[in-house]
Structure formats: C-alpha cells, structure tokens
C-alpha atoms as a PDB file:
ATOM      1  CA  MET A   1      22.144 -18.347 -40.170  1.00  0.00           C
ATOM      2  CA  ILE A   2      21.913 -15.066 -37.953  1.00  0.00           C
ATOM      3  CA  LYS A   3      24.126 -15.039 -35.020  1.00  0.00           C
ATOM      4  CA  CYS A   4      24.601 -12.113 -32.309  1.00  0.00           C
ATOM      5  CA  GLY A   5      27.790 -11.923 -30.760  1.00  0.00           C
ATOM      6  CA  VAL A   6      30.840  -9.867 -29.782  1.00  0.00           C
ATOM      7  CA  SER A   7      34.586 -10.384 -30.467  1.00  0.00           C
ATOM      8  CA  LYS A   8      36.650 -12.660 -28.185  1.00  0.00           C
ATOM      9  CA  ASP A   9      38.129  -9.499 -26.505  1.00  0.00           C
ATOM     10  CA  HIS A  10      34.588  -8.822 -25.226  1.00  0.00           C
ATOM     11  CA  HIS A  11      33.276 -12.172 -24.366  1.00  0.00           C
ATOM     12  CA  LYS A  12      31.223 -10.939 -21.277  1.00  0.00           C
ATOM     13  CA  TRP A  13      29.086  -8.880 -23.290  1.00  0.00           C
ATOM     14  CA  ARG A  14      25.986 -10.354 -24.142  1.00  0.00           C
ATOM     15  CA  CYS A  15      24.427 -10.058 -27.704  1.00  0.00           C
ATOM     16  CA  ASN A  16      25.481  -6.314 -28.458  1.00  0.00           C
ATOM     17  CA  CYS A  17      23.326  -6.371 -31.892  1.00  0.00           C
ATOM     18  CA  SER A  18      21.086  -3.536 -32.904  1.00  0.00           C
ATOM     19  CA  LEU A  19      18.707  -5.231 -31.104  1.00  0.00           C
ATOM     20  CA  LEU A  20      19.750  -3.907 -27.947  1.00  0.00           C
ATOM     21  CA  PHE A  21      19.580  -0.411 -29.521  1.00  0.00           C
ATOM     22  CA  ILE A  22      16.317  -0.937 -30.561  1.00  0.00           C
ATOM     23  CA  LEU A  23      15.043  -1.977 -26.887  1.00  0.00           C
ATOM     24  CA  LEU A  24      17.051   0.838 -25.027  1.00  0.00           C
ATOM     25  CA  SER A  25      15.625   3.258 -27.980  1.00  0.00           C
ATOM     26  CA  LEU A  26      12.374   1.967 -26.673  1.00  0.00           C
ATOM     27  CA  VAL A  27      12.865   2.541 -22.870  1.00  0.00           C
ATOM     28  CA  ALA A  28      14.089   5.905 -23.387  1.00  0.00           C
ATOM     29  CA  THR A  29      11.179   6.737 -25.549  1.00  0.00           C
ATOM     30  CA  VAL A  30       8.624   4.961 -23.410  1.00  0.00           C
ATOM     31  CA  SER A  31      10.388   6.525 -20.115  1.00  0.00           C
ATOM     32  CA  PHE A  32      10.296   9.848 -21.801  1.00  0.00           C
ATOM     33  CA  ILE A  33       6.658  10.006 -22.928  1.00  0.00           C
ATOM     34  CA  VAL A  34       4.717   8.045 -20.421  1.00  0.00           C
ATOM     35  CA  PRO A  35       3.094   9.292 -17.416  1.00  0.00           C
ATOM     36  CA  HIS A  36       0.340   6.630 -17.318  1.00  0.00           C
ATOM     37  CA  LYS A  37      -2.041   8.789 -18.782  1.00  0.00           C
ATOM     38  CA  ILE A  38      -0.502   9.032 -21.950  1.00  0.00           C
ATOM     39  CA  LEU A  39       0.213   5.299 -22.178  1.00  0.00           C
ATOM     40  CA  ALA A  40      -3.358   4.883 -21.749  1.00  0.00           C
ATOM     41  CA  GLN A  41      -4.081   6.223 -24.996  1.00  0.00           C
ATOM     42  CA  ASP A  42      -4.629   3.245 -27.720  1.00  0.00           C
ATOM     43  CA  ARG A  43      -2.383   5.106 -30.363  1.00  0.00           C
ATOM     44  CA  HIS A  44       0.706   4.916 -27.732  1.00  0.00           C
ATOM     45  CA  ILE A  45      -0.461   1.155 -26.616  1.00  0.00           C
ATOM     46  CA  ARG A  46      -0.635   0.039 -30.318  1.00  0.00           C
ATOM     47  CA  GLU A  47       3.133   1.520 -30.928  1.00  0.00           C
ATOM     48  CA  PHE A  48       4.484  -0.030 -27.923  1.00  0.00           C
ATOM     49  CA  THR A  49       3.068  -3.325 -28.634  1.00  0.00           C
ATOM     50  CA  ARG A  50       4.140  -3.223 -32.574  1.00  0.00           C
ATOM     51  CA  THR A  51       7.642  -2.607 -31.361  1.00  0.00           C
ATOM     52  CA  MET A  52       7.794  -5.159 -28.784  1.00  0.00           C
ATOM     53  CA  LYS A  53       6.568  -7.775 -31.150  1.00  0.00           C
ATOM     54  CA  LYS A  54       9.387  -6.612 -33.695  1.00  0.00           C
ATOM     55  CA  TYR A  55      11.818  -6.999 -31.117  1.00  0.00           C
ATOM     56  CA  ILE A  56      10.740 -10.420 -30.177  1.00  0.00           C
ATOM     57  CA  LYS A  57      10.470 -11.715 -33.356  1.00  0.00           C
ATOM     58  CA  LYS A  58      14.289 -10.800 -34.094  1.00  0.00           C
ATOM     59  CA  LYS A  59      15.508 -11.602 -30.767  1.00  0.00           C
ATOM     60  CA  SER A  60      13.873 -15.289 -31.527  1.00  0.00           C
ATOM     61  CA  GLU A  61      15.246 -15.536 -34.456  1.00  0.00           C
ATOM     62  CA  ILE A  62      18.826 -14.961 -33.100  1.00  0.00           C
ATOM     63  CA  VAL A  63      18.488 -17.431 -30.637  1.00  0.00           C
ATOM     64  CA  GLU A  64      16.949 -20.111 -32.757  1.00  0.00           C
ATOM     65  CA  SER A  65      19.716 -19.295 -35.255  1.00  0.00           C
ATOM     66  CA  TRP A  66      22.306 -20.987 -32.403  1.00  0.00           C
ATOM     67  CA  LYS A  67      20.353 -24.382 -33.165  1.00  0.00           C
ATOM     68  CA  GLY A  68      23.415 -26.543 -34.678  1.00  0.00           C
ATOM     69  CA  ALA A  69      26.269 -24.393 -33.432  1.00  0.00           C
ATOM     70  CA  PRO A  70      29.084 -25.531 -31.347  1.00  0.00           C
ATOM     71  CA  VAL A  71      28.423 -24.513 -27.475  1.00  0.00           C
ATOM     72  CA  HIS A  72      31.926 -22.779 -27.369  1.00  0.00           C
ATOM     73  CA  GLU A  73      30.851 -20.432 -29.763  1.00  0.00           C
ATOM     74  CA  LEU A  74      27.865 -19.295 -27.552  1.00  0.00           C
ATOM     75  CA  LEU A  75      30.090 -19.183 -24.473  1.00  0.00           C
ATOM     76  CA  ILE A  76      32.202 -16.960 -26.100  1.00  0.00           C
ATOM     77  CA  ALA A  77      29.567 -14.484 -27.861  1.00  0.00           C
ATOM     78  CA  TRP A  78      26.917 -14.777 -24.790  1.00  0.00           C
ATOM     79  CA  GLY A  79      29.095 -15.125 -21.826  1.00  0.00           C
ATOM     80  CA  PRO A  80      28.911 -17.768 -18.818  1.00  0.00           C
ATOM     81  CA  PRO A  81      25.000 -18.465 -18.620  1.00  0.00           C
ATOM     82  CA  ASP A  82      22.924 -17.632 -15.615  1.00  0.00           C
ATOM     83  CA  ALA A  83      22.493 -21.329 -14.873  1.00  0.00           C
ATOM     84  CA  GLU A  84      23.275 -24.896 -16.092  1.00  0.00           C
ATOM     85  CA  PHE A  85      21.189 -28.295 -15.872  1.00  0.00           C
ATOM     86  CA  SER A  86      21.561 -31.731 -16.951  1.00  0.00           C
ATOM     87  CA  ASP A  87      19.292 -32.795 -19.752  1.00  0.00           C
ATOM     88  CA  GLY A  88      19.122 -36.208 -18.452  1.00  0.00           C
ATOM     89  CA  ALA A  89      20.573 -37.840 -21.620  1.00  0.00           C
ATOM     90  CA  GLY A  90      24.117 -36.733 -20.925  1.00  0.00           C
ATOM     91  CA  GLY A  91      24.049 -33.192 -22.280  1.00  0.00           C
ATOM     92  CA  LYS A  92      23.220 -30.138 -20.608  1.00  0.00           C
ATOM     93  CA  ILE A  93      20.901 -27.139 -20.717  1.00  0.00           C
ATOM     94  CA  LEU A  94      22.308 -23.388 -20.693  1.00  0.00           C
ATOM     95  CA  VAL A  95      20.060 -20.948 -19.626  1.00  0.00           C
ATOM     96  CA  TYR A  96      20.146 -17.158 -20.020  1.00  0.00           C
ATOM     97  CA  ARG A  97      18.096 -14.556 -18.203  1.00  0.00           C
ATOM     98  CA  SER A  98      17.425 -10.863 -18.217  1.00  0.00           C
ATOM     99  CA  ARG A  99      15.507  -8.349 -16.936  1.00  0.00           C
ATOM    100  CA  ILE A 100      14.701  -4.652 -18.338  1.00  0.00           C
ATOM    101  CA  LYS A 101      12.812  -2.157 -16.502  1.00  0.00           C
ATOM    102  CA  LEU A 102      10.430  -0.134 -19.029  1.00  0.00           C
ATOM    103  CA  MET A 103       8.599   1.692 -16.322  1.00  0.00           C
ATOM    104  CA  PRO A 104       8.359   2.122 -12.648  1.00  0.00           C
ATOM    105  CA  ASP A 105       5.759  -0.776 -12.888  1.00  0.00           C
ATOM    106  CA  LEU A 106       6.754  -2.843 -15.572  1.00  0.00           C
ATOM    107  CA  THR A 107       9.719  -5.133 -16.255  1.00  0.00           C
ATOM    108  CA  PHE A 108      10.595  -7.034 -19.438  1.00  0.00           C
ATOM    109  CA  LEU A 109      11.772 -10.768 -19.020  1.00  0.00           C
ATOM    110  CA  GLU A 110      13.816 -12.898 -21.125  1.00  0.00           C
ATOM    111  CA  LYS A 111      14.875 -16.578 -20.756  1.00  0.00           C
ATOM    112  CA  HIS A 112      16.430 -18.471 -23.324  1.00  0.00           C
ATOM    113  CA  SER A 113      17.608 -22.069 -22.850  1.00  0.00           C
ATOM    114  CA  PHE A 114      20.050 -23.944 -25.052  1.00  0.00           C
ATOM    115  CA  TYR A 115      20.266 -27.581 -24.851  1.00  0.00           C
ATOM    116  CA  VAL A 116      23.821 -28.959 -25.839  1.00  0.00           C
ATOM    117  CA  ASN A 117      24.377 -32.527 -26.643  1.00  0.00           C
ATOM    118  CA  ARG A 118      27.292 -34.800 -25.487  1.00  0.00           C
ATOM    119  CA  LYS A 119      29.409 -33.698 -28.543  1.00  0.00           C
ATOM    120  CA  GLY A 120      28.900 -29.983 -27.361  1.00  0.00           C
ATOM    121  CA  ILE A 121      26.343 -29.112 -30.397  1.00  0.00           C
ATOM    122  CA  ILE A 122      23.300 -27.041 -29.546  1.00  0.00           C
ATOM    123  CA  TYR A 123      20.202 -29.136 -30.624  1.00  0.00           C
ATOM    124  CA  LEU A 124      17.779 -27.004 -29.356  1.00  0.00           C
ATOM    125  CA  ALA A 125      17.305 -23.337 -28.698  1.00  0.00           C
ATOM    126  CA  VAL A 126      14.006 -21.784 -26.750  1.00  0.00           C
ATOM    127  CA  PRO A 127      13.380 -18.067 -26.462  1.00  0.00           C
ATOM    128  CA  LYS A 128      10.852 -17.171 -23.700  1.00  0.00           C
ATOM    129  CA  PHE A 129       9.533 -13.623 -23.252  1.00  0.00           C
ATOM    130  CA  GLY A 130       7.569 -12.091 -20.499  1.00  0.00           C
ATOM    131  CA  TYR A 131       6.760  -9.333 -17.970  1.00  0.00           C
ATOM    132  CA  THR A 132       6.510  -8.698 -14.493  1.00  0.00           C
ATOM    133  CA  SER A 133       4.315  -5.684 -12.963  1.00  0.00           C
ATOM    134  CA  ARG A 134       2.877  -5.134  -9.633  1.00  0.00           C
ATOM    135  CA  THR A 135      -0.331  -4.520 -11.096  1.00  0.00           C
ATOM    136  CA  LEU A 136      -0.603  -7.173 -13.573  1.00  0.00           C
ATOM    137  CA  GLY A 137       1.692  -9.746 -11.757  1.00  0.00           C
ATOM    138  CA  GLU A 138       4.307 -11.903 -13.382  1.00  0.00           C
ATOM    139  CA  ARG A 139       4.122 -13.799 -16.631  1.00  0.00           C
ATOM    140  CA  LEU A 140       7.022 -15.666 -18.288  1.00  0.00           C
ATOM    141  CA  PRO A 141       5.940 -18.934 -20.389  1.00  0.00           C
END
C-alpha cells in the first residue's frame, strides 16, 4: 500500500513525497522555458503532457491507497480537509483541494474526496484533476 504522509510533528504539511518535487521541478522548467512561442512547439507540449500524466498516475495511486485506512491516519498525514460533508449514511466525505499555478494563464487543480464510514475507515478515495485558464476556461471533472 502506497501512502504519502509526514511525521506527526509536521502534520500540517500535505503529502511531502517526491511527487511534490516532480511537480515543482516541472513548474520551474515550464516557467523557465515557456514563452508561449516555445510551448507551442509540439515537442514541448508532448513532454509537458507526458510529465503531467506521470504525476497524475502516481498521485492517483497515492490517493486510492488510502482505501481501508483509518481516517485519523489521513488527518495526521494530510492535515484538516478543505471541506467536510455527510455521505448520507452516517459517514462523512473529506475533500482536499489544491491549486498550482504553472504559467500566468494556466493553473493545475486537484480535488480529492475520501469517503469515511461510521467506524472511521476510508471506504472510497476519489482523485480528480483539472485546470483553469482564461483562454481555455475551467475544467475539473
């Protein structure tokens, strides 16, 4: 089971795995080489797309690996959720959101929902990814 977390002493940090390093490296690279003329070249678009697909795949595995875990472990590792709702069956849904600005006109969005039963066990973990852009609009499934 893959879990991304931090020590109890640093419980306010969310997911400080190597994924964050990968994404920040990508942001630094894109910010450095991306006047829009360069990004328009097919090679750079393909490389950017490949990197984002790898990040999304790995992050999805991490989110989904929480299925079956006690909710208190998630709260220690990821901190308090951005939103909390009832699941209608006596449990709750914890929602974590993040926004990462990749370029002046492009922001990467993450929204991960964890469904917790009455016993405090995560029974479903749903990762979602999207983007927002002035020219492309917002897309978060």
